[in-house]
Amino acid sequence: MLFNRFHTEAVMNTSLQIIKNGLLLCLFALLLAYFKGPSLLYGSLSFILIATYHLATDQRFSAEQLSDSGLMTLHLAIYLLLCTLLIWATTGHEESHYWIIYFLPIVVAGTNLTLLHTLATCLFSSLFYLALIPNAIWSDPVNRAEDLPEFLISCTTFFIVGILMHGFSEQHRRQLKQQKHLNDLLLDNRNALQNSLRKLEEAEENLRRTDRLAALGEMSAGLAHEIRNPLGIIASSAQLLQNHINPTDSGQLDLLDVIREESTRLNDLVTTFLRFGRPGEPQLKSYQLENLIDKTVEQLRPVAEQHQVALTFSPAHPTTTVYVDADMIQQLLLNLLLNAIEACSEQGNVVIHALKKDNQAHIIVTDNGEGIAKEVLPTIFNPFFTTKDGGTGLGLATAHNIAQSHGGDIHVTSQPGHGSRFVVTLPLETH
């Protein structure tokens, strides 16, 4: 439909160009065929002025530009004066045969202006034409009686052409207006459909993630009991063995330390699974967001220095009050910042800042690390998805789960080789 609109406009403009250019060519041929001497010279000069003005304005300005700038009336006045000049230059003992030159301003008025302006252009064209008829014709009763009907027919033709052109153009403009309205409706519907599809995809992804979380919760609850009991027996057995080993036997003591350390690590991993699978409801209280971020940043500053990464926090001004579970939000921040630090090479930068926007608190974590590949970007919040050796794939999934449990969300943009940008949105304090 949009193509049809542009196609119709192009056809209309092309048709008008053909009419006006064809009229000029016919008049020029008529000038060369029927005029000689001074009439040919003056007529040619007048015709050159009209043709030059016509080509210059048509090539440089569109009708819409002339109308919008308020120059259409001046444009028509110049057209009428140049046409009148040509009629005057080609008028001798008889009236000029170039009366049809007035169709140029009449066509322009009919296609671009109101009916009243079109009729006014026809009227001025008729008056100028009648005023340039030789006095010898008006003074001779016989000639006046014979030629007056012809003059009136010419003037009537001006009005007929003007009204017809205005009627066709008005119909064309109404069709274009209807097409524009339909195109706007089509674009609105398309945008609404795209938004609905995007929301549906997000809802479907959240549903899949929720299903995975529910399955993980059931699995982790059962495994936690079955695994922790043997781990407790292993750890206590290692402690009892230590009492029966010679303190000077460093080899056996080292093996017992390995048993205890690995038991502790496995227990921590089970705890992480259990916390992720069944995180529980957040205990909401009022906090200054900047204080929570600053506390987390200070905890991770030694880790950043060890990786030779600059960790910078830019607090919001004024401070932002949020209604959150402090422990869960700090866990979210720890996961995001640790990922950002590990993604950076030496001399990298991680910047975190907070701000208020759209009635929400925004936490933005930006790094200049290796970035995330486009094909894996939609899956980074899925449980157990990781690109790091030895990673559990629960860090970002936990962060996303915490944000959603607070009524917020996490969005990420990334470009491989140029870093990533995580934006956490949280509701402001409720009153």
Protein backbone atom coordinates (compact mmCIF):
# COMPACT_ATOMS: atom_id res chain seq x y z
CA MET A 1 0.00 0.00 0.00
CA LEU A 2 2.86 2.35 0.78
CA PHE A 3 4.39 1.44 -2.56
CA ASN A 4 1.07 2.24 -4.27
CA ARG A 5 1.04 5.66 -2.67
CA PHE A 6 4.51 6.56 -3.87
CA HIS A 7 3.77 5.02 -7.26
CA THR A 8 0.60 7.13 -7.61
CA GLU A 9 2.45 10.30 -6.64
CA ALA A 10 5.21 9.55 -9.11
CA VAL A 11 2.72 8.90 -11.92
CA MET A 12 0.86 12.12 -11.11
CA ASN A 13 4.01 14.22 -11.06
CA THR A 14 5.26 12.61 -14.26
CA SER A 15 1.93 13.30 -16.00
CA LEU A 16 2.02 16.96 -15.01
CA GLN A 17 5.58 17.28 -16.25
CA ILE A 18 4.61 15.73 -19.58
CA ILE A 19 1.63 18.11 -19.94
CA LYS A 20 3.65 21.24 -19.19
CA ASN A 21 6.72 20.26 -21.19
CA GLY A 22 4.56 19.12 -24.11
CA LEU A 23 2.71 22.43 -24.08
CA LEU A 24 5.97 24.34 -24.22
CA LEU A 25 7.24 22.26 -27.13
CA CYS A 26 4.02 22.77 -29.10
CA LEU A 27 4.15 26.52 -28.53
CA PHE A 28 7.77 26.68 -29.59
CA ALA A 29 6.97 24.80 -32.80
CA LEU A 30 4.06 27.17 -33.41
CA LEU A 31 6.34 30.13 -32.84
CA LEU A 32 8.84 28.96 -35.43
CA ALA A 33 6.13 28.10 -37.96
CA TYR A 34 3.96 31.22 -37.93
CA PHE A 35 6.10 34.12 -36.78
CA LYS A 36 8.81 36.06 -38.56
CA GLY A 37 10.82 39.21 -38.06
CA PRO A 38 10.44 41.24 -34.87
CA SER A 39 7.51 39.10 -33.68
CA LEU A 40 9.67 36.01 -33.91
CA LEU A 41 12.53 37.73 -32.05
CA TYR A 42 10.39 39.14 -29.22
CA GLY A 43 8.36 35.98 -29.04
CA SER A 44 11.48 33.83 -28.87
CA LEU A 45 12.95 35.94 -26.07
CA SER A 46 9.69 35.78 -24.12
CA PHE A 47 9.43 32.06 -24.71
CA ILE A 48 13.02 31.55 -23.51
CA LEU A 49 12.18 33.42 -20.30
CA ILE A 50 9.14 31.21 -19.67
CA ALA A 51 10.99 28.00 -20.50
CA THR A 52 13.99 28.97 -18.34
CA TYR A 53 11.79 29.86 -15.37
CA HIS A 54 9.72 26.70 -15.85
CA LEU A 55 12.74 24.39 -15.98
CA ALA A 56 14.55 26.16 -13.12
CA THR A 57 11.60 25.99 -10.72
CA ASP A 58 10.59 22.44 -11.66
CA GLN A 59 14.11 21.12 -11.23
CA ARG A 60 14.92 22.97 -8.02
CA PHE A 61 11.62 23.12 -6.12
CA SER A 62 8.73 20.74 -5.72
CA ALA A 63 5.14 21.92 -5.43
CA GLU A 64 5.14 20.88 -1.75
CA GLN A 65 8.21 23.01 -1.05
CA LEU A 66 6.66 26.05 -2.73
CA SER A 67 3.39 25.58 -0.83
CA ASP A 68 5.06 24.99 2.53
CA SER A 69 7.29 28.05 2.14
CA GLY A 70 4.36 30.27 1.11
CA LEU A 71 5.85 31.01 -2.32
CA MET A 72 3.17 29.38 -4.47
CA THR A 73 1.23 32.64 -4.92
CA LEU A 74 4.39 34.47 -6.00
CA HIS A 75 5.25 31.58 -8.30
CA LEU A 76 1.85 31.83 -10.01
CA ALA A 77 2.12 35.62 -10.30
CA ILE A 78 5.49 35.30 -12.06
CA TYR A 79 4.05 32.62 -14.34
CA LEU A 80 1.13 34.88 -15.28
CA LEU A 81 3.39 37.87 -15.96
CA LEU A 82 5.74 35.83 -18.17
CA CYS A 83 2.80 34.33 -20.08
CA THR A 84 1.32 37.80 -20.53
CA LEU A 85 4.70 39.00 -21.80
CA LEU A 86 4.71 36.26 -24.42
CA ILE A 87 1.13 37.13 -25.48
CA TRP A 88 2.10 40.79 -25.78
CA ALA A 89 5.23 39.96 -27.83
CA THR A 90 3.26 37.80 -30.27
CA THR A 91 0.28 40.16 -30.67
CA GLY A 92 0.20 42.11 -33.94
CA HIS A 93 -2.77 43.27 -35.96
CA GLU A 94 -4.57 40.16 -34.79
CA GLU A 95 -4.80 38.51 -31.39
CA SER A 96 -1.98 36.19 -30.33
CA HIS A 97 -2.31 32.51 -31.10
CA TYR A 98 -0.45 31.81 -27.85
CA TRP A 99 -3.50 32.14 -25.58
CA ILE A 100 -3.08 28.49 -24.51
CA ILE A 101 0.15 29.47 -22.71
CA TYR A 102 -2.12 30.49 -19.80
CA PHE A 103 -2.81 26.80 -19.25
CA LEU A 104 0.60 26.61 -17.52
CA PRO A 105 -0.32 28.71 -14.44
CA ILE A 106 -3.87 27.32 -14.51
CA VAL A 107 -2.58 23.72 -14.34
CA VAL A 108 -0.21 24.66 -11.49
CA ALA A 109 -3.03 26.36 -9.53
CA GLY A 110 -5.51 23.53 -10.18
CA THR A 111 -3.14 20.82 -8.98
CA ASN A 112 -1.79 22.58 -5.88
CA LEU A 113 -4.26 25.21 -4.61
CA THR A 114 -7.88 25.47 -3.54
CA LEU A 115 -10.77 25.89 -5.95
CA LEU A 116 -11.03 29.59 -5.09
CA HIS A 117 -7.37 30.20 -5.95
CA THR A 118 -7.76 28.18 -9.14
CA LEU A 119 -10.76 30.26 -10.25
CA ALA A 120 -8.86 33.45 -9.41
CA THR A 121 -5.97 32.28 -11.63
CA CYS A 122 -8.43 31.54 -14.46
CA LEU A 123 -10.01 34.98 -14.02
CA PHE A 124 -6.68 36.82 -14.16
CA SER A 125 -5.64 34.79 -17.17
CA SER A 126 -8.88 35.76 -18.95
CA LEU A 127 -8.53 39.44 -18.06
CA PHE A 128 -4.90 39.61 -19.21
CA TYR A 129 -5.78 37.80 -22.43
CA LEU A 130 -8.73 40.09 -23.21
CA ALA A 131 -6.71 43.19 -22.32
CA LEU A 132 -4.04 42.31 -24.92
CA ILE A 133 -6.49 41.89 -27.82
CA PRO A 134 -5.73 44.65 -30.41
CA ASN A 135 -7.89 47.74 -30.22
CA ALA A 136 -8.65 47.42 -33.94
CA ILE A 137 -10.73 44.34 -33.21
CA TRP A 138 -12.67 46.00 -30.38
CA SER A 139 -13.29 49.21 -32.36
CA ASP A 140 -14.62 47.45 -35.44
CA PRO A 141 -18.22 46.31 -34.79
CA VAL A 142 -18.03 43.65 -37.48
CA ASN A 143 -14.79 42.12 -36.17
CA ARG A 144 -16.01 42.42 -32.59
CA ALA A 145 -19.21 40.58 -33.39
CA GLU A 146 -17.32 37.83 -35.22
CA ASP A 147 -14.43 37.36 -32.81
CA LEU A 148 -16.04 38.00 -29.41
CA PRO A 149 -17.60 34.48 -29.19
CA GLU A 150 -14.16 33.02 -29.94
CA PHE A 151 -12.59 35.09 -27.15
CA LEU A 152 -15.29 34.06 -24.71
CA ILE A 153 -14.83 30.40 -25.64
CA SER A 154 -11.10 30.73 -24.92
CA CYS A 155 -11.80 32.29 -21.53
CA THR A 156 -14.41 29.63 -20.78
CA THR A 157 -11.83 26.99 -21.67
CA PHE A 158 -9.54 28.46 -19.01
CA PHE A 159 -12.20 27.90 -16.35
CA ILE A 160 -13.12 24.42 -17.62
CA VAL A 161 -9.49 23.27 -17.57
CA GLY A 162 -8.90 24.83 -14.15
CA ILE A 163 -11.98 23.18 -12.59
CA LEU A 164 -11.18 19.80 -14.16
CA MET A 165 -7.56 19.89 -13.00
CA HIS A 166 -8.63 20.90 -9.49
CA GLY A 167 -11.23 18.11 -9.39
CA PHE A 168 -8.74 15.45 -10.49
CA SER A 169 -6.10 16.73 -8.08
CA GLU A 170 -8.55 16.93 -5.17
CA GLN A 171 -9.60 13.34 -5.79
CA HIS A 172 -5.93 12.34 -5.94
CA ARG A 173 -5.20 14.14 -2.67
CA ARG A 174 -8.13 12.41 -0.94
CA GLN A 175 -6.87 9.04 -2.14
CA LEU A 176 -3.38 9.84 -0.88
CA LYS A 177 -4.79 10.93 2.48
CA GLN A 178 -6.71 7.67 2.78
CA GLN A 179 -3.64 5.69 1.79
CA LYS A 180 -1.54 7.56 4.34
CA HIS A 181 -4.11 6.84 7.03
CA LEU A 182 -4.17 3.15 6.10
CA ASN A 183 -0.35 3.07 5.98
CA ASP A 184 -0.17 4.61 9.45
CA LEU A 185 -2.64 2.01 10.75
CA LEU A 186 -0.62 -0.73 9.09
CA LEU A 187 2.62 0.51 10.64
CA ASP A 188 1.00 0.82 14.08
CA ASN A 189 -0.40 -2.70 13.80
CA ARG A 190 2.95 -4.04 12.66
CA ASN A 191 4.75 -2.37 15.57
CA ALA A 192 2.14 -3.66 18.00
CA LEU A 193 2.51 -7.15 16.56
CA GLN A 194 6.30 -7.00 16.84
CA ASN A 195 6.03 -5.84 20.45
CA SER A 196 3.56 -8.63 21.20
CA LEU A 197 5.84 -11.21 19.60
CA ARG A 198 8.81 -9.89 21.55
CA LYS A 199 6.88 -10.02 24.82
CA LEU A 200 5.63 -13.50 23.95
CA GLU A 201 9.18 -14.68 23.30
CA GLU A 202 10.32 -13.16 26.59
CA ALA A 203 7.41 -14.74 28.44
CA GLU A 204 8.14 -18.09 26.80
CA GLU A 205 11.81 -17.88 27.75
CA ASN A 206 10.90 -16.91 31.32
CA LEU A 207 8.49 -19.84 31.46
CA ARG A 208 11.17 -22.25 30.28
CA ARG A 209 13.58 -20.79 32.82
CA THR A 210 10.96 -21.10 35.56
CA ASP A 211 10.36 -24.74 34.62
CA ARG A 212 14.09 -25.41 34.79
CA LEU A 213 14.26 -23.68 38.17
CA ALA A 214 11.36 -25.73 39.49
CA ALA A 215 12.99 -28.95 38.33
CA LEU A 216 16.30 -27.83 39.82
CA GLY A 217 14.60 -27.01 43.12
CA GLU A 218 13.09 -30.47 43.40
CA MET A 219 16.36 -32.11 42.43
CA SER A 220 18.53 -29.99 44.71
CA ALA A 221 16.29 -30.54 47.73
CA GLY A 222 16.58 -34.31 47.36
CA LEU A 223 20.29 -34.31 46.52
CA ALA A 224 21.16 -31.93 49.34
CA HIS A 225 20.03 -34.40 51.97
CA GLU A 226 21.54 -37.42 50.22
CA ILE A 227 24.90 -35.73 49.61
CA ARG A 228 25.33 -33.73 52.82
CA ASN A 229 25.00 -36.74 55.10
CA PRO A 230 27.90 -38.62 53.44
CA LEU A 231 29.91 -35.40 53.33
CA GLY A 232 29.39 -34.91 57.04
CA ILE A 233 30.56 -38.48 57.68
CA ILE A 234 33.62 -37.97 55.46
CA ALA A 235 34.55 -34.69 57.21
CA SER A 236 34.08 -36.13 60.72
CA SER A 237 36.00 -39.27 59.76
CA ALA A 238 38.87 -37.14 58.52
CA GLN A 239 38.86 -35.28 61.83
CA LEU A 240 38.97 -38.58 63.77
CA LEU A 241 41.78 -39.91 61.59
CA GLN A 242 43.83 -36.83 62.38
CA ASN A 243 43.79 -37.80 66.07
CA HIS A 244 45.33 -41.21 65.23
CA ILE A 245 48.01 -39.99 62.84
CA ASN A 246 51.51 -39.18 63.90
CA PRO A 247 51.85 -35.37 63.88
CA THR A 248 55.24 -35.72 62.24
CA ASP A 249 53.80 -37.59 59.24
CA SER A 250 53.26 -34.59 56.96
CA GLY A 251 52.21 -36.70 53.97
CA GLN A 252 49.18 -38.19 55.70
CA LEU A 253 48.25 -34.82 57.23
CA ASP A 254 48.29 -33.24 53.77
CA LEU A 255 45.97 -35.94 52.46
CA LEU A 256 43.55 -35.28 55.32
CA ASP A 257 43.62 -31.54 54.50
CA VAL A 258 42.73 -32.36 50.91
CA ILE A 259 39.81 -34.50 52.10
CA ARG A 260 38.49 -31.71 54.34
CA GLU A 261 38.96 -28.99 51.71
CA GLU A 262 37.24 -30.98 48.97
CA SER A 263 34.42 -31.95 51.32
CA THR A 264 33.93 -28.30 52.21
CA ARG A 265 33.99 -27.25 48.53
CA LEU A 266 31.45 -29.92 47.60
CA ASN A 267 29.22 -28.87 50.50
CA ASP A 268 29.41 -25.25 49.36
CA LEU A 269 28.48 -26.31 45.84
CA VAL A 270 25.44 -28.23 47.12
CA THR A 271 24.47 -25.16 49.18
CA THR A 272 24.69 -23.02 46.05
CA PHE A 273 22.45 -25.38 44.11
CA LEU A 274 19.96 -25.43 46.96
CA ARG A 275 19.95 -21.64 47.29
CA PHE A 276 19.47 -21.23 43.53
CA GLY A 277 16.78 -23.87 43.20
CA ARG A 278 14.79 -22.57 46.17
CA PRO A 279 15.90 -19.01 46.80
CA GLY A 280 12.93 -18.10 48.96
CA GLU A 281 11.03 -14.85 49.13
CA PRO A 282 13.14 -11.68 49.51
CA GLN A 283 12.89 -9.94 52.89
CA LEU A 284 12.28 -6.39 51.70
CA LYS A 285 13.52 -3.39 53.63
CA SER A 286 14.44 0.18 52.81
CA TYR A 287 18.11 0.70 51.85
CA GLN A 288 20.32 3.28 50.20
CA LEU A 289 21.32 1.58 46.96
CA GLU A 290 24.66 3.37 46.87
CA ASN A 291 25.60 1.92 50.26
CA LEU A 292 24.87 -1.65 49.12
CA ILE A 293 26.91 -1.16 45.94
CA ASP A 294 29.80 0.51 47.74
CA LYS A 295 29.98 -2.31 50.31
CA THR A 296 30.10 -4.94 47.56
CA VAL A 297 32.72 -3.00 45.59
CA GLU A 298 34.98 -2.77 48.64
CA GLN A 299 34.67 -6.54 49.19
CA LEU A 300 35.75 -7.21 45.61
CA ARG A 301 38.48 -4.59 45.37
CA PRO A 302 41.26 -7.02 46.43
CA VAL A 303 40.05 -9.46 43.76
CA ALA A 304 40.13 -6.70 41.14
CA GLU A 305 43.64 -5.66 42.20
CA GLN A 306 44.78 -9.28 41.98
CA HIS A 307 43.51 -9.38 38.36
CA GLN A 308 45.01 -5.91 37.74
CA VAL A 309 41.58 -4.54 36.86
CA ALA A 310 40.42 -1.04 37.82
CA LEU A 311 37.07 -1.20 39.66
CA THR A 312 35.21 2.14 39.77
CA PHE A 313 31.88 3.06 41.31
CA SER A 314 29.95 6.22 40.34
CA PRO A 315 27.05 6.77 42.77
CA ALA A 316 23.80 8.46 41.78
CA HIS A 317 23.07 12.03 42.77
CA PRO A 318 20.84 12.34 44.69
CA THR A 319 21.02 9.00 46.45
CA THR A 320 18.56 6.27 45.48
CA THR A 321 16.36 4.52 48.04
CA VAL A 322 15.21 1.00 47.16
CA TYR A 323 13.04 -1.60 48.85
CA VAL A 324 15.06 -4.83 48.59
CA ASP A 325 16.62 -7.78 50.33
CA ALA A 326 20.14 -6.54 51.03
CA ASP A 327 21.80 -9.97 51.10
CA MET A 328 20.22 -11.01 47.81
CA ILE A 329 21.10 -7.75 46.05
CA GLN A 330 24.68 -8.00 47.26
CA GLN A 331 24.80 -11.57 45.93
CA LEU A 332 23.51 -10.28 42.59
CA LEU A 333 26.18 -7.58 42.51
CA LEU A 334 28.92 -10.03 43.49
CA ASN A 335 28.01 -12.33 40.63
CA LEU A 336 27.90 -9.53 38.04
CA LEU A 337 31.11 -7.86 39.19
CA LEU A 338 33.04 -11.14 39.46
CA ASN A 339 32.02 -12.03 35.90
CA ALA A 340 33.05 -8.56 34.70
CA ILE A 341 36.42 -8.73 36.44
CA GLU A 342 37.16 -12.21 35.10
CA ALA A 343 36.17 -11.12 31.58
CA CYS A 344 38.80 -8.35 31.59
CA SER A 345 42.44 -8.79 30.80
CA GLU A 346 45.19 -7.01 32.72
CA GLN A 347 44.80 -3.22 32.88
CA GLY A 348 41.08 -3.66 32.19
CA ASN A 349 38.29 -1.47 33.56
CA VAL A 350 35.02 -2.29 35.29
CA VAL A 351 32.69 0.62 35.99
CA ILE A 352 29.49 0.43 38.01
CA HIS A 353 27.13 3.32 38.48
CA ALA A 354 23.59 3.87 39.73
CA LEU A 355 20.88 6.23 38.55
CA LYS A 356 17.14 6.86 38.60
CA LYS A 357 15.28 6.45 35.33
CA ASP A 358 11.67 5.76 34.37
CA ASN A 359 10.61 5.41 38.04
CA GLN A 360 13.18 2.65 38.55
CA ALA A 361 16.62 2.30 40.02
CA HIS A 362 19.22 1.30 37.42
CA ILE A 363 22.50 -0.44 38.26
CA ILE A 364 24.82 -0.46 35.24
CA VAL A 365 27.93 -2.65 35.15
CA THR A 366 30.24 -2.00 32.20
CA ASP A 367 33.52 -3.72 31.36
CA ASN A 368 35.95 -3.56 28.45
CA GLY A 369 36.65 -7.29 28.47
CA GLU A 370 36.34 -9.98 25.84
CA GLY A 371 32.59 -9.57 25.40
CA ILE A 372 29.97 -12.22 24.71
CA ALA A 373 29.41 -13.92 21.37
CA LYS A 374 26.13 -13.02 19.69
CA GLU A 375 24.99 -16.62 19.33
CA VAL A 376 25.24 -17.35 23.08
CA LEU A 377 23.91 -14.01 24.31
CA PRO A 378 20.26 -15.20 24.61
CA THR A 379 21.28 -18.17 26.81
CA ILE A 380 23.65 -16.60 29.35
CA PHE A 381 20.94 -16.45 32.04
CA ASN A 382 20.05 -20.12 31.68
CA PRO A 383 21.05 -22.37 34.60
CA PHE A 384 24.29 -24.32 34.13
CA PHE A 385 25.27 -22.40 31.00
CA THR A 386 28.89 -21.24 31.21
CA THR A 387 31.81 -20.48 28.94
CA LYS A 388 34.39 -20.64 31.75
CA ASP A 389 36.39 -23.69 32.68
CA GLY A 390 35.26 -24.94 36.06
CA GLY A 391 32.25 -22.62 36.20
CA THR A 392 28.91 -23.86 37.52
CA GLY A 393 26.81 -21.71 35.19
CA LEU A 394 24.72 -20.44 38.10
CA GLY A 395 26.17 -16.96 38.66
CA LEU A 396 24.20 -15.02 36.04
CA ALA A 397 21.19 -17.31 36.44
CA THR A 398 21.13 -16.53 40.17
CA ALA A 399 21.50 -12.80 39.50
CA HIS A 400 18.62 -12.88 37.03
CA ASN A 401 16.47 -14.85 39.45
CA ILE A 402 17.16 -12.37 42.26
CA ALA A 403 16.33 -9.38 40.06
CA GLN A 404 13.01 -10.90 38.97
CA SER A 405 12.10 -11.88 42.54
CA HIS A 406 12.33 -8.14 43.36
CA GLY A 407 10.07 -7.16 40.47
CA GLY A 408 13.04 -6.06 38.34
CA ASP A 409 15.05 -7.46 35.48
CA ILE A 410 18.52 -7.66 33.90
CA HIS A 411 19.35 -6.69 30.32
CA VAL A 412 22.68 -7.17 28.60
CA THR A 413 24.34 -5.76 25.50
CA SER A 414 27.74 -6.96 24.36
CA GLN A 415 30.14 -6.74 21.46
CA PRO A 416 32.86 -9.37 21.19
CA GLY A 417 36.25 -7.82 21.79
CA HIS A 418 34.79 -4.59 23.18
CA GLY A 419 33.19 -5.59 26.47
CA SER A 420 29.71 -5.98 27.92
CA ARG A 421 27.09 -3.84 29.62
CA PHE A 422 24.65 -5.27 32.19
CA VAL A 423 21.71 -3.13 33.31
CA VAL A 424 19.81 -4.18 36.44
CA THR A 425 16.45 -2.51 37.05
CA LEU A 426 14.88 -2.47 40.52
CA PRO A 427 11.71 -0.82 41.82
CA LEU A 428 12.16 2.30 43.93
CA GLU A 429 11.06 2.44 47.54
CA THR A 430 7.28 2.11 47.91
CA HIS A 431 5.44 4.47 50.24
